[in-house]
Amino acid sequence: MPTRVDLADGQWAIVRDVLTHGQTKEMQRAYLRGAQDPTEFPDTYTAAIRAYVVEWHVRTPDGAECPLTSPDDAAAPAVEELVERHLITRWRGRADPNGTAPASPDTSRA
């Protein structure tokens, strides 16, 4: 279920708690591009916005409403706050698909 997150100066966004498989793959691709070439790292922020944000009320540097379809036009402080404080936390909170499940308790009787 989407969640509203409040940002500075009365700005806000509604973000997904769970991504689709396609959204997850795009986030992974953006992260890998950034890891291989640091000049590509800012694209990770744009990928996070496109994957997680359902709706937002964020302004451009001149104070105009920034459409969600143009995240690169948003004021940098709002984007940084949204991605660094809210979206990356959600991304890191995902279960590791390659992780090992804890062992179940032994219920056998001797």
N, C-alpha and C. Protein backbone atom coordinates (compact mmCIF):
# COMPACT_ATOMS: atom_id res chain seq x y z
N MET A 1 0.85 -1.17 0.00
CA MET A 1 0.00 0.00 0.00
C MET A 1 0.90 1.24 0.00
N PRO A 2 0.61 2.22 -0.84
CA PRO A 2 1.43 3.44 -0.88
C PRO A 2 1.36 4.22 0.43
N THR A 3 2.44 4.92 0.72
CA THR A 3 2.59 5.70 1.94
C THR A 3 2.95 7.13 1.60
N ARG A 4 2.38 8.08 2.31
CA ARG A 4 2.74 9.48 2.12
C ARG A 4 3.97 9.79 2.98
N VAL A 5 4.95 10.48 2.38
CA VAL A 5 6.12 10.95 3.13
C VAL A 5 6.17 12.46 2.99
N ASP A 6 6.37 13.11 4.12
CA ASP A 6 6.45 14.57 4.13
C ASP A 6 7.90 15.00 3.95
N LEU A 7 8.07 16.03 3.14
CA LEU A 7 9.38 16.59 2.85
C LEU A 7 9.42 18.03 3.36
N ALA A 8 10.56 18.65 3.28
CA ALA A 8 10.73 20.03 3.75
C ALA A 8 9.83 20.98 2.97
N ASP A 9 9.53 22.10 3.60
CA ASP A 9 8.80 23.21 2.96
C ASP A 9 7.43 22.81 2.44
N GLY A 10 6.75 21.89 3.13
CA GLY A 10 5.39 21.52 2.74
C GLY A 10 5.30 20.62 1.52
N GLN A 11 6.42 20.15 1.02
CA GLN A 11 6.40 19.24 -0.13
C GLN A 11 6.16 17.82 0.39
N TRP A 12 5.66 16.95 -0.47
CA TRP A 12 5.40 15.58 -0.06
C TRP A 12 5.35 14.66 -1.27
N ALA A 13 5.39 13.36 -0.99
CA ALA A 13 5.31 12.35 -2.04
C ALA A 13 4.54 11.15 -1.50
N ILE A 14 3.90 10.45 -2.40
CA ILE A 14 3.27 9.18 -2.07
C ILE A 14 4.12 8.11 -2.74
N VAL A 15 4.61 7.17 -1.93
CA VAL A 15 5.57 6.19 -2.44
C VAL A 15 5.08 4.77 -2.22
N ARG A 16 5.50 3.91 -3.12
CA ARG A 16 5.17 2.49 -3.01
C ARG A 16 6.01 1.86 -1.90
N ASP A 17 5.45 0.88 -1.24
CA ASP A 17 6.20 0.12 -0.25
C ASP A 17 6.86 -1.10 -0.90
N VAL A 18 6.28 -1.57 -2.00
CA VAL A 18 6.77 -2.76 -2.68
C VAL A 18 6.86 -2.46 -4.17
N LEU A 19 7.95 -2.89 -4.79
CA LEU A 19 8.13 -2.70 -6.23
C LEU A 19 7.71 -3.94 -7.01
N THR A 20 7.39 -3.74 -8.28
CA THR A 20 7.16 -4.87 -9.17
C THR A 20 8.51 -5.45 -9.57
N HIS A 21 8.50 -6.59 -10.20
CA HIS A 21 9.74 -7.21 -10.67
C HIS A 21 10.45 -6.28 -11.67
N GLY A 22 9.71 -5.68 -12.57
CA GLY A 22 10.30 -4.77 -13.56
C GLY A 22 10.92 -3.54 -12.91
N GLN A 23 10.25 -2.97 -11.92
CA GLN A 23 10.78 -1.80 -11.21
C GLN A 23 12.06 -2.17 -10.46
N THR A 24 12.06 -3.37 -9.87
CA THR A 24 13.24 -3.84 -9.16
C THR A 24 14.41 -4.01 -10.12
N LYS A 25 14.16 -4.59 -11.28
CA LYS A 25 15.24 -4.77 -12.27
C LYS A 25 15.80 -3.43 -12.71
N GLU A 26 14.95 -2.43 -12.92
CA GLU A 26 15.43 -1.11 -13.33
C GLU A 26 16.29 -0.47 -12.23
N MET A 27 15.89 -0.63 -10.99
CA MET A 27 16.70 -0.12 -9.88
C MET A 27 18.06 -0.82 -9.85
N GLN A 28 18.07 -2.12 -10.05
CA GLN A 28 19.33 -2.86 -10.05
C GLN A 28 20.23 -2.41 -11.19
N ARG A 29 19.66 -2.21 -12.37
CA ARG A 29 20.46 -1.75 -13.52
C ARG A 29 21.05 -0.37 -13.25
N ALA A 30 20.26 0.54 -12.70
CA ALA A 30 20.75 1.89 -12.39
C ALA A 30 21.87 1.83 -11.36
N TYR A 31 21.70 0.99 -10.35
CA TYR A 31 22.73 0.86 -9.32
C TYR A 31 24.03 0.33 -9.92
N LEU A 32 23.92 -0.70 -10.76
CA LEU A 32 25.12 -1.27 -11.38
C LEU A 32 25.82 -0.27 -12.29
N ARG A 33 25.04 0.51 -13.05
CA ARG A 33 25.65 1.55 -13.90
C ARG A 33 26.42 2.54 -13.04
N GLY A 34 25.84 2.94 -11.92
CA GLY A 34 26.50 3.88 -11.02
C GLY A 34 27.73 3.29 -10.36
N ALA A 35 27.69 2.00 -10.05
CA ALA A 35 28.85 1.35 -9.42
C ALA A 35 30.00 1.23 -10.42
N GLN A 36 29.68 1.02 -11.69
CA GLN A 36 30.71 0.87 -12.72
C GLN A 36 31.26 2.21 -13.18
N ASP A 37 30.41 3.24 -13.18
CA ASP A 37 30.82 4.56 -13.65
C ASP A 37 30.18 5.60 -12.74
N PRO A 38 30.96 6.19 -11.82
CA PRO A 38 30.40 7.14 -10.85
C PRO A 38 29.65 8.33 -11.48
N THR A 39 29.94 8.66 -12.72
CA THR A 39 29.20 9.77 -13.35
C THR A 39 27.75 9.38 -13.62
N GLU A 40 27.47 8.09 -13.63
CA GLU A 40 26.12 7.59 -13.85
C GLU A 40 25.33 7.47 -12.55
N PHE A 41 25.99 7.66 -11.39
CA PHE A 41 25.31 7.45 -10.11
C PHE A 41 24.06 8.29 -9.94
N PRO A 42 24.03 9.57 -10.37
CA PRO A 42 22.78 10.34 -10.21
C PRO A 42 21.57 9.67 -10.85
N ASP A 43 21.78 8.84 -11.86
CA ASP A 43 20.65 8.14 -12.47
C ASP A 43 19.99 7.18 -11.49
N THR A 44 20.71 6.76 -10.47
CA THR A 44 20.13 5.90 -9.44
C THR A 44 19.00 6.63 -8.73
N TYR A 45 19.18 7.94 -8.48
CA TYR A 45 18.13 8.73 -7.84
C TYR A 45 16.89 8.81 -8.73
N THR A 46 17.12 9.08 -10.01
CA THR A 46 16.00 9.17 -10.95
C THR A 46 15.29 7.82 -11.05
N ALA A 47 16.04 6.73 -11.10
CA ALA A 47 15.44 5.39 -11.15
C ALA A 47 14.61 5.12 -9.90
N ALA A 48 15.12 5.55 -8.73
CA ALA A 48 14.39 5.34 -7.49
C ALA A 48 13.07 6.12 -7.50
N ILE A 49 13.12 7.35 -8.00
CA ILE A 49 11.90 8.16 -8.08
C ILE A 49 10.89 7.51 -9.01
N ARG A 50 11.36 7.10 -10.18
CA ARG A 50 10.44 6.47 -11.15
C ARG A 50 9.86 5.16 -10.62
N ALA A 51 10.65 4.42 -9.86
CA ALA A 51 10.18 3.13 -9.35
C ALA A 51 9.22 3.30 -8.18
N TYR A 52 9.56 4.15 -7.24
CA TYR A 52 8.81 4.22 -5.98
C TYR A 52 7.70 5.26 -5.93
N VAL A 53 7.86 6.40 -6.59
CA VAL A 53 6.93 7.51 -6.38
C VAL A 53 5.68 7.35 -7.24
N VAL A 54 4.54 7.38 -6.58
CA VAL A 54 3.24 7.29 -7.23
C VAL A 54 2.74 8.69 -7.59
N GLU A 55 2.96 9.63 -6.66
CA GLU A 55 2.51 11.02 -6.83
C GLU A 55 3.42 11.88 -5.98
N TRP A 56 3.65 13.12 -6.42
CA TRP A 56 4.40 14.03 -5.56
C TRP A 56 3.98 15.45 -5.76
N HIS A 57 4.27 16.25 -4.77
CA HIS A 57 4.08 17.69 -4.84
C HIS A 57 5.42 18.29 -4.42
N VAL A 58 6.28 18.41 -5.42
CA VAL A 58 7.65 18.91 -5.25
C VAL A 58 7.82 20.07 -6.21
N ARG A 59 8.62 21.04 -5.81
CA ARG A 59 8.80 22.23 -6.63
C ARG A 59 10.15 22.23 -7.36
N THR A 60 10.19 23.02 -8.41
CA THR A 60 11.43 23.28 -9.13
C THR A 60 12.21 24.34 -8.35
N PRO A 61 13.47 24.61 -8.72
CA PRO A 61 14.23 25.65 -8.00
C PRO A 61 13.56 27.03 -8.01
N ASP A 62 12.76 27.32 -9.05
CA ASP A 62 12.10 28.64 -9.09
C ASP A 62 10.72 28.63 -8.41
N GLY A 63 10.36 27.51 -7.77
CA GLY A 63 9.13 27.45 -6.99
C GLY A 63 7.92 26.92 -7.71
N ALA A 64 8.05 26.58 -8.99
CA ALA A 64 6.91 26.03 -9.74
C ALA A 64 6.72 24.56 -9.38
N GLU A 65 5.51 24.07 -9.54
CA GLU A 65 5.21 22.66 -9.31
C GLU A 65 5.99 21.83 -10.34
N CYS A 66 6.66 20.79 -9.90
CA CYS A 66 7.44 19.94 -10.80
C CYS A 66 6.63 18.68 -11.11
N PRO A 67 6.37 18.43 -12.40
CA PRO A 67 5.63 17.21 -12.73
C PRO A 67 6.46 15.97 -12.44
N LEU A 68 5.82 14.92 -12.01
CA LEU A 68 6.50 13.66 -11.72
C LEU A 68 7.17 13.10 -12.97
N THR A 69 6.67 13.44 -14.13
CA THR A 69 7.26 12.97 -15.38
C THR A 69 8.61 13.63 -15.67
N SER A 70 8.97 14.67 -14.91
CA SER A 70 10.24 15.38 -15.12
C SER A 70 11.03 15.49 -13.81
N PRO A 71 11.41 14.36 -13.21
CA PRO A 71 12.09 14.44 -11.90
C PRO A 71 13.41 15.19 -11.94
N ASP A 72 14.06 15.25 -13.10
CA ASP A 72 15.33 15.97 -13.20
C ASP A 72 15.15 17.47 -13.03
N ASP A 73 13.93 17.97 -13.15
CA ASP A 73 13.66 19.41 -12.99
C ASP A 73 13.37 19.81 -11.55
N ALA A 74 13.23 18.83 -10.65
CA ALA A 74 12.90 19.13 -9.25
C ALA A 74 14.10 19.75 -8.55
N ALA A 75 13.82 20.55 -7.52
CA ALA A 75 14.89 21.15 -6.73
C ALA A 75 15.70 20.03 -6.06
N ALA A 76 17.01 20.15 -6.14
CA ALA A 76 17.90 19.10 -5.62
C ALA A 76 17.66 18.75 -4.16
N PRO A 77 17.46 19.74 -3.25
CA PRO A 77 17.26 19.35 -1.84
C PRO A 77 16.05 18.44 -1.63
N ALA A 78 14.97 18.67 -2.36
CA ALA A 78 13.78 17.83 -2.21
C ALA A 78 14.06 16.42 -2.71
N VAL A 79 14.74 16.32 -3.85
CA VAL A 79 15.08 15.00 -4.41
C VAL A 79 16.01 14.25 -3.47
N GLU A 80 17.04 14.93 -2.98
CA GLU A 80 17.98 14.28 -2.07
C GLU A 80 17.30 13.79 -0.80
N GLU A 81 16.43 14.63 -0.22
CA GLU A 81 15.72 14.22 0.99
C GLU A 81 14.83 13.01 0.71
N LEU A 82 14.09 13.06 -0.38
CA LEU A 82 13.19 11.97 -0.73
C LEU A 82 13.95 10.66 -0.93
N VAL A 83 14.99 10.71 -1.75
CA VAL A 83 15.72 9.48 -2.07
C VAL A 83 16.52 8.99 -0.87
N GLU A 84 17.30 9.87 -0.25
CA GLU A 84 18.21 9.44 0.80
C GLU A 84 17.50 9.07 2.11
N ARG A 85 16.43 9.75 2.45
CA ARG A 85 15.76 9.49 3.73
C ARG A 85 14.62 8.48 3.62
N HIS A 86 14.05 8.35 2.44
CA HIS A 86 12.85 7.52 2.34
C HIS A 86 12.97 6.36 1.36
N LEU A 87 13.48 6.60 0.17
CA LEU A 87 13.47 5.54 -0.85
C LEU A 87 14.59 4.53 -0.66
N ILE A 88 15.80 5.01 -0.36
CA ILE A 88 16.91 4.08 -0.16
C ILE A 88 16.63 3.18 1.04
N THR A 89 16.00 3.72 2.06
CA THR A 89 15.62 2.93 3.22
C THR A 89 14.69 1.79 2.81
N ARG A 90 13.74 2.08 1.95
CA ARG A 90 12.84 1.03 1.47
C ARG A 90 13.61 0.01 0.65
N TRP A 91 14.50 0.48 -0.21
CA TRP A 91 15.28 -0.42 -1.07
C TRP A 91 16.14 -1.35 -0.21
N ARG A 92 16.80 -0.82 0.78
CA ARG A 92 17.66 -1.64 1.64
C ARG A 92 16.86 -2.58 2.52
N GLY A 93 15.60 -2.27 2.74
CA GLY A 93 14.76 -3.11 3.59
C GLY A 93 14.21 -4.33 2.90
N ARG A 94 14.49 -4.45 1.58
CA ARG A 94 13.99 -5.61 0.85
C ARG A 94 14.66 -6.88 1.36
N ALA A 95 13.95 -7.95 1.29
CA ALA A 95 14.53 -9.23 1.66
C ALA A 95 15.56 -9.62 0.61
N ASP A 96 16.66 -10.21 1.02
CA ASP A 96 17.69 -10.67 0.10
C ASP A 96 17.22 -11.98 -0.53
N PRO A 97 16.99 -11.98 -1.87
CA PRO A 97 16.48 -13.21 -2.49
C PRO A 97 17.48 -14.35 -2.44
N ASN A 98 18.76 -14.03 -2.22
CA ASN A 98 19.79 -15.06 -2.14
C ASN A 98 20.15 -15.39 -0.69
N GLY A 99 19.46 -14.78 0.23
CA GLY A 99 19.75 -15.01 1.64
C GLY A 99 19.31 -16.39 2.08
N THR A 100 19.81 -16.81 3.20
CA THR A 100 19.47 -18.11 3.74
C THR A 100 18.40 -17.94 4.81
N ALA A 101 17.39 -18.73 4.70
CA ALA A 101 16.32 -18.68 5.71
C ALA A 101 16.84 -19.28 7.00
N PRO A 102 16.39 -18.77 8.14
CA PRO A 102 16.82 -19.37 9.40
C PRO A 102 16.34 -20.81 9.50
N ALA A 103 17.13 -21.60 10.19
CA ALA A 103 16.75 -23.01 10.35
C ALA A 103 15.48 -23.12 11.18
N SER A 104 14.64 -24.08 10.81
CA SER A 104 13.44 -24.27 11.62
C SER A 104 13.79 -25.08 12.86
N PRO A 105 13.03 -24.87 13.89
CA PRO A 105 13.30 -25.63 15.12
C PRO A 105 13.10 -27.12 14.87
N ASP A 106 13.89 -27.90 15.54
CA ASP A 106 13.79 -29.35 15.40
C ASP A 106 12.59 -29.83 16.22
N THR A 107 11.62 -30.38 15.51
CA THR A 107 10.40 -30.84 16.20
C THR A 107 10.35 -32.36 16.28
N SER A 108 11.45 -33.02 15.85
CA SER A 108 11.43 -34.48 15.92
C SER A 108 11.59 -34.94 17.37
N ARG A 109 11.03 -36.07 17.65
CA ARG A 109 11.12 -36.64 19.02
C ARG A 109 11.99 -37.87 18.97
N ALA A 110 12.78 -38.05 19.98
CA ALA A 110 13.68 -39.20 20.04
C ALA A 110 13.00 -40.40 20.63
